[in-house]
Amino acid sequence: MNDMEQNAKKILIRGARIVNPARGEDFVGNILIADGRISAVSADASDAQAEVIEAAGLTAVPGLVDLHVHLRDPGFTDKEDVLTGCRAAAAGGVTSLLCMPNTKPAVDTPETVRYILDKAKDADAHVYVAAAITKGIAGETLNDLAALREAGAAALSDDGRPVVDTACLAEAMRKAPALGMLVAAHCEDLYLAKKWYLNEGEISAQLGLPGVPAAAEDCGTAREIAVAAAYGVPVHICHVSTATSAALIRDAKARGVQVTAETAPHYLLLTDRELLKKDADYRMNPPLRTEKDRLAMIEALRDGTIDAIATDHAPHTPEEKADFLKAPNGSIGMETSFSASYTALVKTGVLTLPALIERMSVRPAQILGIEAGVIEAGAPADVALIDENAVWTVDPDKLHGKSRNTPFKGMTLHAKVRATVCGGRIVYSEL
């Protein structure tokens, strides 16, 4: 039992619609929680000693699993830290997250892995660590992967940069399965991605600014798929944003290649036309693409080509984002991820709510190989309560992390997380 579960008490979620896609269930009932675990799920589960959450009119779903988060800790804690990042996660119904290694120092030693995991013991979400594939995330020299795993790392990634040395990438991909680690690949050809500000195309030409071609991502995606196919090993493709990358992944899956993929909510709702505002909150890597690419992401989620929705939560300070041209890339996303995805996919009839939860909880948990994504007796007590009737406007000043660089500011979104239970504790509530 972890520290979070030890501090948990009995909770009864009463009268919720329970959506449990891992078991094909959708019914109205109660969820009883004790000792950090779900003890009963039924129409009439009860316990006189439990704290009651009256959930009539709300939908209970397994806590969301975000495969791509930058907590900025250690080294950049003015932007975010483990505790504030998890506070934002809880407000978005995210109960498990995978944090990326491009910190200072980079997460390339067992000591740094242990630092994050130790700090996360008191956090409002379960934190899993992606350690760096290469020393200093320089893309050249392989880290001691077994030592990183022994320290508690769950995955490997050089996210923020690709592993430039393909032989080094291949060695990591070949070693990872035996260690039980996920390799999450940032797909980018750095020779095509020199100095740029946005997607290369009509909008970059209109602004007179250098852009990055879709081919930079596509070349990286093709390389990772080729390595996975050659050696018969898995790879996970991060933050897919282009129609061609989606097509490459679709083709690879049809050929039996062990490839999984994620995209982010901002690629489902926004395009590079947002950059006409010259607002750096709309700059991220990969950049917002064209309407054709946006529609391709939606279709790829619909047909299962893309397995999961992850945020690439990337906090920056207001000062950093103040200058459109000098600002670093990145946007925050955990607190808005469910609502933005629901707005893009469920309100439009592309996916049902159970299918959305499949892509935001069940599949990410399977990909990472963690105990999550299901509501049943014995499972971790990680539950989000959703108000599907809510309509709300994103106000950056009301978000719960340290940073405010959301690309959804001022947008009206549908559905909202009203409460989150993680490890048997109520870590967020608007009720």
Protein backbone atom coordinates (compact mmCIF):
# COMPACT_ATOMS: atom_id res chain seq x y z
CA MET A 1 0.00 0.00 0.00
CA ASN A 2 1.44 3.40 -0.97
CA ASP A 3 1.34 6.59 1.10
CA MET A 4 -1.68 7.90 -0.79
CA GLU A 5 -3.69 4.76 -0.05
CA GLN A 6 -2.65 4.72 3.63
CA ASN A 7 -4.14 8.19 4.11
CA ALA A 8 -7.38 7.26 2.35
CA LYS A 9 -10.74 6.80 4.05
CA LYS A 10 -14.01 5.17 3.06
CA ILE A 11 -15.89 6.99 0.28
CA LEU A 12 -19.23 6.16 -1.30
CA ILE A 13 -19.92 7.61 -4.75
CA ARG A 14 -23.70 7.32 -4.94
CA GLY A 15 -26.06 7.40 -7.89
CA ALA A 16 -23.59 8.04 -10.72
CA ARG A 17 -23.76 6.80 -14.25
CA ILE A 18 -20.79 4.44 -14.26
CA VAL A 19 -18.97 4.22 -17.60
CA ASN A 20 -16.43 1.41 -17.53
CA PRO A 21 -15.31 0.68 -21.11
CA ALA A 22 -12.67 -1.86 -20.07
CA ARG A 23 -15.54 -4.15 -19.03
CA GLY A 24 -18.16 -2.90 -21.49
CA GLU A 25 -20.32 -1.53 -18.65
CA ASP A 26 -22.56 1.53 -18.59
CA PHE A 27 -25.11 1.68 -15.76
CA VAL A 28 -26.33 3.77 -12.81
CA GLY A 29 -24.96 2.66 -9.47
CA ASN A 30 -22.67 3.20 -6.51
CA ILE A 31 -18.91 2.88 -6.03
CA LEU A 32 -17.61 2.04 -2.56
CA ILE A 33 -13.99 2.87 -1.83
CA ALA A 34 -11.91 1.69 1.13
CA ASP A 35 -8.17 1.58 1.83
CA GLY A 36 -7.34 3.24 -1.46
CA ARG A 37 -9.12 0.58 -3.52
CA ILE A 38 -12.56 0.05 -4.95
CA SER A 39 -14.29 -2.43 -2.66
CA ALA A 40 -17.67 -2.71 -4.41
CA VAL A 41 -19.45 -1.52 -7.56
CA SER A 42 -23.17 -2.18 -7.76
CA ALA A 43 -26.62 -0.65 -7.88
CA ASP A 44 -26.85 -0.61 -4.10
CA ALA A 45 -23.31 -0.68 -2.65
CA SER A 46 -23.28 1.08 0.71
CA ASP A 47 -21.40 1.66 3.94
CA ALA A 48 -22.75 3.73 6.83
CA GLN A 49 -19.23 4.86 7.78
CA ALA A 50 -18.28 6.17 4.35
CA GLU A 51 -18.10 9.79 3.27
CA VAL A 52 -20.81 10.17 0.65
CA ILE A 53 -20.39 11.92 -2.69
CA GLU A 54 -23.86 12.46 -4.12
CA ALA A 55 -23.27 11.89 -7.83
CA ALA A 56 -26.76 11.80 -9.32
CA GLY A 57 -26.56 13.47 -12.74
CA LEU A 58 -22.81 12.90 -12.94
CA THR A 59 -20.83 10.27 -14.81
CA ALA A 60 -18.13 8.24 -13.07
CA VAL A 61 -15.24 7.18 -15.29
CA PRO A 62 -11.90 5.59 -14.51
CA GLY A 63 -9.30 8.24 -13.75
CA LEU A 64 -7.63 9.54 -16.89
CA VAL A 65 -4.09 8.48 -17.78
CA ASP A 66 -1.91 11.11 -19.46
CA LEU A 67 1.07 9.61 -21.28
CA HIS A 68 2.85 12.88 -21.92
CA VAL A 69 3.44 15.52 -19.26
CA HIS A 70 6.26 17.97 -18.50
CA LEU A 71 6.37 18.64 -14.77
CA ARG A 72 9.52 20.81 -15.14
CA ASP A 73 10.94 19.34 -11.93
CA PRO A 74 13.87 19.45 -11.23
CA GLY A 75 15.35 22.66 -12.54
CA PHE A 76 12.45 24.68 -13.91
CA THR A 77 10.14 24.84 -10.93
CA ASP A 78 9.22 28.46 -11.65
CA LYS A 79 7.10 26.98 -14.47
CA GLU A 80 5.71 23.91 -12.67
CA ASP A 81 6.72 21.29 -10.14
CA VAL A 82 5.63 17.78 -9.25
CA LEU A 83 3.02 18.90 -6.74
CA THR A 84 1.51 21.78 -8.74
CA GLY A 85 1.47 19.71 -11.91
CA CYS A 86 -0.44 16.97 -10.13
CA ARG A 87 -2.84 19.54 -8.69
CA ALA A 88 -3.63 20.62 -12.26
CA ALA A 89 -3.94 16.95 -13.24
CA ALA A 90 -6.50 16.33 -10.50
CA ALA A 91 -8.59 19.29 -11.67
CA GLY A 92 -8.69 17.64 -15.10
CA GLY A 93 -9.60 14.15 -13.89
CA VAL A 94 -6.08 12.86 -14.56
CA THR A 95 -5.06 10.37 -11.87
CA SER A 96 -1.96 8.87 -13.52
CA LEU A 97 0.64 10.64 -15.63
CA LEU A 98 3.96 9.96 -17.31
CA CYS A 99 6.42 12.83 -16.86
CA MET A 100 9.08 13.57 -19.46
CA PRO A 101 12.83 13.82 -18.79
CA ASN A 102 13.88 17.17 -20.31
CA THR A 103 14.50 18.77 -16.94
CA LYS A 104 17.69 20.26 -15.42
CA PRO A 105 19.43 18.00 -14.75
CA ALA A 106 17.85 15.68 -17.29
CA VAL A 107 16.29 12.53 -15.88
CA ASP A 108 19.24 10.40 -16.95
CA THR A 109 20.40 9.02 -13.59
CA PRO A 110 18.79 6.77 -10.99
CA GLU A 111 19.15 9.61 -8.47
CA THR A 112 16.94 11.97 -10.48
CA VAL A 113 14.34 9.25 -11.05
CA ARG A 114 14.19 8.65 -7.30
CA TYR A 115 13.98 12.40 -6.60
CA ILE A 116 10.80 12.70 -8.70
CA LEU A 117 9.19 9.57 -7.31
CA ASP A 118 9.95 10.59 -3.73
CA LYS A 119 8.44 14.05 -4.27
CA ALA A 120 5.40 12.47 -5.93
CA LYS A 121 4.50 10.46 -2.80
CA ASP A 122 2.51 13.47 -1.56
CA ALA A 123 1.06 14.43 -4.95
CA ASP A 124 -2.57 14.45 -6.12
CA ALA A 125 -1.89 11.98 -8.95
CA HIS A 126 0.16 8.85 -9.53
CA VAL A 127 3.42 9.91 -11.19
CA TYR A 128 5.33 7.62 -13.54
CA VAL A 129 8.74 8.62 -14.83
CA ALA A 130 10.05 8.52 -18.37
CA ALA A 131 13.84 8.49 -18.07
CA ALA A 132 16.11 9.76 -20.82
CA ILE A 133 17.26 7.30 -23.45
CA THR A 134 20.57 9.12 -23.91
CA LYS A 135 22.95 10.97 -21.62
CA GLY A 136 21.92 14.58 -21.28
CA ILE A 137 19.22 14.01 -23.91
CA ALA A 138 21.95 14.63 -26.45
CA GLY A 139 20.75 11.78 -28.66
CA GLU A 140 24.10 10.03 -28.86
CA THR A 141 25.18 7.91 -25.86
CA LEU A 142 22.83 5.32 -24.34
CA ASN A 143 22.10 5.55 -20.63
CA ASP A 144 22.23 2.60 -18.24
CA LEU A 145 18.64 1.56 -18.92
CA ALA A 146 18.59 -1.27 -16.38
CA ALA A 147 19.72 1.08 -13.61
CA LEU A 148 17.02 3.58 -14.53
CA ARG A 149 14.44 0.81 -14.41
CA GLU A 150 15.75 -0.38 -11.05
CA ALA A 151 15.30 3.17 -9.73
CA GLY A 152 11.64 3.09 -10.75
CA ALA A 153 11.47 4.54 -14.27
CA ALA A 154 8.52 3.17 -16.24
CA ALA A 155 9.42 4.41 -19.71
CA LEU A 156 12.20 5.80 -21.87
CA SER A 157 12.14 8.94 -23.99
CA ASP A 158 14.30 11.83 -25.10
CA ASP A 159 11.17 13.90 -25.58
CA GLY A 160 11.91 17.44 -26.55
CA ARG A 161 14.40 16.01 -29.04
CA PRO A 162 14.63 12.89 -31.16
CA VAL A 163 17.39 10.35 -30.59
CA VAL A 164 19.59 11.52 -33.45
CA ASP A 165 21.75 8.38 -33.56
CA THR A 166 19.46 5.73 -35.05
CA ALA A 167 21.70 2.88 -33.86
CA CYS A 168 21.38 4.20 -30.31
CA LEU A 169 17.60 4.39 -30.67
CA ALA A 170 17.48 0.83 -32.02
CA GLU A 171 19.54 -0.48 -29.09
CA ALA A 172 17.17 1.18 -26.61
CA MET A 173 14.12 -0.21 -28.40
CA ARG A 174 15.63 -3.71 -28.40
CA LYS A 175 16.53 -3.59 -24.70
CA ALA A 176 13.32 -1.98 -23.42
CA PRO A 177 10.89 -4.95 -23.72
CA ALA A 178 12.94 -7.17 -21.40
CA LEU A 179 13.03 -4.34 -18.88
CA GLY A 180 9.28 -3.81 -19.10
CA MET A 181 9.74 -0.23 -20.30
CA LEU A 182 7.85 1.77 -22.90
CA VAL A 183 9.90 3.66 -25.52
CA ALA A 184 8.09 6.92 -26.31
CA ALA A 185 9.53 8.59 -29.39
CA HIS A 186 9.64 12.28 -30.25
CA CYS A 187 9.61 12.07 -34.06
CA GLU A 188 11.40 14.96 -35.69
CA ASP A 189 14.09 15.33 -38.35
CA LEU A 190 16.29 18.09 -36.94
CA TYR A 191 17.82 18.83 -40.34
CA LEU A 192 14.36 19.81 -41.59
CA ALA A 193 13.45 21.44 -38.28
CA LYS A 194 15.97 24.24 -38.03
CA LYS A 195 14.86 27.62 -36.67
CA TRP A 196 11.07 27.80 -37.03
CA TYR A 197 8.02 29.42 -35.44
CA LEU A 198 5.02 27.52 -36.78
CA ASN A 199 3.87 25.02 -39.39
CA GLU A 200 5.30 25.62 -42.84
CA GLY A 201 2.51 26.57 -45.20
CA GLU A 202 0.02 29.28 -46.07
CA ILE A 203 0.02 30.90 -42.62
CA SER A 204 3.80 30.96 -42.20
CA ALA A 205 4.08 32.54 -45.66
CA GLN A 206 1.44 35.10 -44.74
CA LEU A 207 3.35 36.02 -41.57
CA GLY A 208 6.71 35.97 -43.34
CA LEU A 209 8.14 33.60 -40.74
CA PRO A 210 10.11 30.37 -41.20
CA GLY A 211 8.03 27.26 -40.64
CA VAL A 212 8.71 23.59 -40.04
CA PRO A 213 7.40 21.25 -42.74
CA ALA A 214 5.17 18.33 -41.89
CA ALA A 215 7.92 16.21 -43.43
CA ALA A 216 10.11 16.80 -40.36
CA GLU A 217 7.65 14.83 -38.25
CA ASP A 218 6.85 12.35 -41.02
CA CYS A 219 10.50 11.40 -41.54
CA GLY A 220 10.92 10.78 -37.83
CA THR A 221 7.76 8.70 -37.67
CA ALA A 222 8.87 6.60 -40.64
CA ARG A 223 12.27 5.98 -39.02
CA GLU A 224 10.82 4.82 -35.70
CA ILE A 225 8.35 2.54 -37.47
CA ALA A 226 11.15 1.09 -39.60
CA VAL A 227 13.25 0.28 -36.53
CA ALA A 228 10.27 -1.31 -34.74
CA ALA A 229 9.48 -3.40 -37.83
CA ALA A 230 13.08 -4.47 -38.40
CA TYR A 231 13.58 -5.78 -34.87
CA GLY A 232 10.03 -6.84 -34.01
CA VAL A 233 9.85 -4.52 -30.99
CA PRO A 234 7.28 -1.98 -29.78
CA VAL A 235 7.47 1.78 -30.10
CA HIS A 236 5.09 4.53 -29.02
CA ILE A 237 4.85 7.64 -31.19
CA CYS A 238 4.36 10.88 -29.28
CA HIS A 239 2.18 13.89 -30.18
CA VAL A 240 1.17 12.93 -33.74
CA SER A 241 0.06 16.02 -35.66
CA THR A 242 0.25 15.33 -39.42
CA ALA A 243 -1.96 13.45 -41.84
CA THR A 244 1.04 11.63 -43.32
CA SER A 245 2.29 10.43 -39.92
CA ALA A 246 -1.18 9.07 -39.18
CA ALA A 247 -1.16 7.27 -42.55
CA LEU A 248 2.27 5.80 -41.81
CA ILE A 249 1.07 4.50 -38.44
CA ARG A 250 -2.12 3.10 -39.99
CA ASP A 251 -0.09 1.24 -42.61
CA ALA A 252 2.37 -0.05 -40.01
CA LYS A 253 -0.40 -1.42 -37.83
CA ALA A 254 -1.93 -3.17 -40.84
CA ARG A 255 1.46 -4.85 -41.40
CA GLY A 256 1.65 -6.03 -37.80
CA VAL A 257 4.24 -3.55 -36.58
CA GLN A 258 4.04 -3.04 -32.81
CA VAL A 259 3.37 0.68 -32.91
CA THR A 260 1.07 2.76 -30.72
CA ALA A 261 0.47 6.47 -30.92
CA GLU A 262 -0.97 9.50 -29.18
CA THR A 263 -2.20 12.90 -30.27
CA ALA A 264 -3.09 15.96 -28.20
CA PRO A 265 -6.37 17.84 -27.74
CA HIS A 266 -5.02 21.01 -29.36
CA TYR A 267 -4.52 19.12 -32.63
CA LEU A 268 -8.20 18.19 -32.56
CA LEU A 269 -9.65 21.69 -32.10
CA LEU A 270 -7.09 24.17 -33.41
CA THR A 271 -5.10 24.86 -36.59
CA ASP A 272 -2.18 27.05 -37.58
CA ARG A 273 -4.61 29.87 -38.34
CA GLU A 274 -4.45 30.63 -34.58
CA LEU A 275 -0.89 31.87 -35.15
CA LEU A 276 -2.26 34.89 -37.02
CA LYS A 277 -2.91 36.28 -33.51
CA LYS A 278 0.88 36.33 -32.95
CA ASP A 279 0.27 34.92 -29.48
CA ALA A 280 2.99 32.55 -28.27
CA ASP A 281 0.51 30.43 -26.30
CA TYR A 282 -0.35 28.88 -29.67
CA ARG A 283 3.25 27.89 -30.34
CA MET A 284 4.12 24.30 -29.50
CA ASN A 285 6.22 21.45 -30.92
CA PRO A 286 4.92 19.88 -33.09
CA PRO A 287 3.11 23.03 -34.17
CA LEU A 288 -0.56 23.43 -34.87
CA ARG A 289 -1.09 22.16 -38.41
CA THR A 290 -3.65 22.63 -41.18
CA GLU A 291 -7.35 21.82 -41.25
CA LYS A 292 -6.52 18.73 -43.32
CA ASP A 293 -4.22 17.51 -40.56
CA ARG A 294 -6.78 18.30 -37.85
CA LEU A 295 -9.41 16.21 -39.60
CA ALA A 296 -6.87 13.42 -40.10
CA MET A 297 -6.18 13.32 -36.33
CA ILE A 298 -9.89 13.00 -35.65
CA GLU A 299 -10.27 10.19 -38.19
CA ALA A 300 -7.19 8.41 -36.83
CA LEU A 301 -8.68 8.48 -33.35
CA ARG A 302 -12.01 7.30 -34.68
CA ASP A 303 -10.59 4.28 -36.51
CA GLY A 304 -8.06 3.32 -33.83
CA THR A 305 -4.92 4.30 -35.72
CA ILE A 306 -4.11 6.67 -32.88
CA ASP A 307 -4.58 4.85 -29.60
CA ALA A 308 -4.54 7.60 -27.02
CA ILE A 309 -5.03 11.26 -26.23
CA ALA A 310 -2.20 12.84 -24.23
CA THR A 311 -1.65 16.50 -23.47
CA ASP A 312 2.08 17.22 -23.85
CA HIS A 313 1.44 19.54 -20.88
CA ALA A 314 4.32 22.05 -21.21
CA PRO A 315 4.20 24.94 -18.74
CA HIS A 316 6.02 28.23 -19.32
CA THR A 317 5.94 31.46 -17.37
CA PRO A 318 3.99 34.47 -18.64
CA GLU A 319 7.30 36.32 -19.02
CA GLU A 320 8.66 33.61 -21.32
CA LYS A 321 5.53 33.65 -23.44
CA ALA A 322 5.24 37.44 -23.65
CA ASP A 323 7.27 37.81 -26.87
CA PHE A 324 5.81 35.89 -29.82
CA LEU A 325 9.16 35.39 -31.56
CA LYS A 326 11.39 34.77 -28.54
CA ALA A 327 9.03 32.50 -26.59
CA PRO A 328 9.72 28.79 -26.15
CA ASN A 329 7.31 26.27 -27.61
CA GLY A 330 4.76 24.55 -25.41
CA SER A 331 1.26 24.79 -23.93
CA ILE A 332 -0.44 23.47 -20.82
CA GLY A 333 -3.26 20.98 -21.16
CA MET A 334 -4.11 18.58 -18.36
CA GLU A 335 -6.91 20.61 -16.83
CA THR A 336 -8.67 21.07 -20.15
CA SER A 337 -7.85 17.74 -21.80
CA PHE A 338 -11.11 15.95 -21.11
CA SER A 339 -13.36 18.89 -21.94
CA ALA A 340 -11.47 19.79 -25.12
CA SER A 341 -11.51 16.17 -26.30
CA TYR A 342 -15.19 15.78 -25.42
CA THR A 343 -15.99 18.97 -27.36
CA ALA A 344 -14.01 17.82 -30.40
CA LEU A 345 -15.12 14.19 -30.47
CA VAL A 346 -18.27 13.45 -28.44
CA LYS A 347 -20.27 16.62 -29.08
CA THR A 348 -19.60 16.16 -32.80
CA GLY A 349 -20.68 12.51 -32.80
CA VAL A 350 -17.28 11.13 -33.77
CA LEU A 351 -16.93 9.06 -30.59
CA THR A 352 -19.22 7.96 -27.80
CA LEU A 353 -18.25 8.83 -24.24
CA PRO A 354 -17.13 5.22 -23.55
CA ALA A 355 -14.95 5.32 -26.68
CA LEU A 356 -13.39 8.60 -25.52
CA ILE A 357 -12.62 7.13 -22.09
CA GLU A 358 -11.09 4.13 -23.86
CA ARG A 359 -8.60 6.52 -25.50
CA MET A 360 -8.00 8.67 -22.41
CA SER A 361 -7.79 6.00 -19.72
CA VAL A 362 -8.00 2.35 -20.79
CA ARG A 363 -5.56 2.34 -23.73
CA PRO A 364 -2.99 4.68 -22.12
CA ALA A 365 -2.93 2.40 -19.06
CA GLN A 366 -2.41 -0.63 -21.29
CA ILE A 367 0.34 1.07 -23.28
CA LEU A 368 2.23 2.10 -20.15
CA GLY A 369 1.52 -1.23 -18.46
CA ILE A 370 0.07 0.22 -15.26
CA GLU A 371 -2.81 -0.73 -13.00
CA ALA A 372 -5.41 1.81 -14.07
CA GLY A 373 -8.28 2.37 -16.46
CA VAL A 374 -10.98 0.23 -14.86
CA ILE A 375 -13.75 0.58 -12.26
CA GLU A 376 -14.16 -2.74 -10.46
CA ALA A 377 -13.69 -4.32 -7.05
CA GLY A 378 -10.00 -4.58 -6.21
CA ALA A 379 -8.89 -1.90 -8.66
CA PRO A 380 -7.16 1.31 -7.54
CA ALA A 381 -9.69 3.90 -6.39
CA ASP A 382 -8.99 6.33 -9.23
CA VAL A 383 -12.24 7.87 -10.44
CA ALA A 384 -13.26 11.09 -12.18
CA LEU A 385 -16.78 12.49 -11.92
CA ILE A 386 -17.91 14.23 -15.10
CA ASP A 387 -20.74 16.67 -15.67
CA GLU A 388 -21.67 16.11 -19.32
CA ASN A 389 -24.14 18.97 -19.27
CA ALA A 390 -21.61 21.58 -18.22
CA VAL A 391 -20.67 24.38 -20.60
CA TRP A 392 -17.74 26.52 -19.48
CA THR A 393 -15.29 29.10 -20.73
CA VAL A 394 -11.57 28.54 -20.10
CA ASP A 395 -10.17 31.28 -17.89
CA PRO A 396 -6.38 30.88 -17.52
CA ASP A 397 -6.42 32.71 -14.19
CA LYS A 398 -8.67 30.03 -12.70
CA LEU A 399 -6.46 27.08 -13.62
CA HIS A 400 -4.66 25.18 -10.89
CA GLY A 401 -1.04 24.81 -12.03
CA LYS A 402 1.69 27.46 -11.97
CA SER A 403 1.50 28.46 -15.61
CA ARG A 404 -1.24 30.00 -17.73
CA ASN A 405 -0.16 29.22 -21.33
CA THR A 406 -3.29 27.43 -22.49
CA PRO A 407 -4.25 27.52 -26.18
CA PHE A 408 -7.89 27.09 -25.14
CA LYS A 409 -8.16 30.42 -23.30
CA GLY A 410 -11.50 32.08 -23.91
CA MET A 411 -12.89 28.98 -25.61
CA THR A 412 -16.24 27.53 -24.65
CA LEU A 413 -15.92 23.83 -23.89
CA HIS A 414 -18.46 21.12 -23.14
CA ALA A 415 -18.44 18.74 -20.17
CA LYS A 416 -16.35 19.28 -17.07
CA VAL A 417 -14.63 17.32 -14.35
CA ARG A 418 -16.44 18.05 -11.09
CA ALA A 419 -14.49 15.79 -8.74
CA THR A 420 -11.51 13.44 -8.78
CA VAL A 421 -10.65 10.59 -6.46
CA CYS A 422 -7.08 9.31 -6.61
CA GLY A 423 -5.75 6.50 -4.46
CA GLY A 424 -8.94 6.66 -2.43
CA ARG A 425 -8.55 10.38 -1.61
CA ILE A 426 -10.72 13.19 -2.89
CA VAL A 427 -8.01 15.28 -4.56
CA TYR A 428 -10.32 17.70 -6.36
CA SER A 429 -13.95 18.72 -5.91
CA GLU A 430 -16.33 21.38 -7.15
CA LEU A 431 -19.27 19.64 -5.51
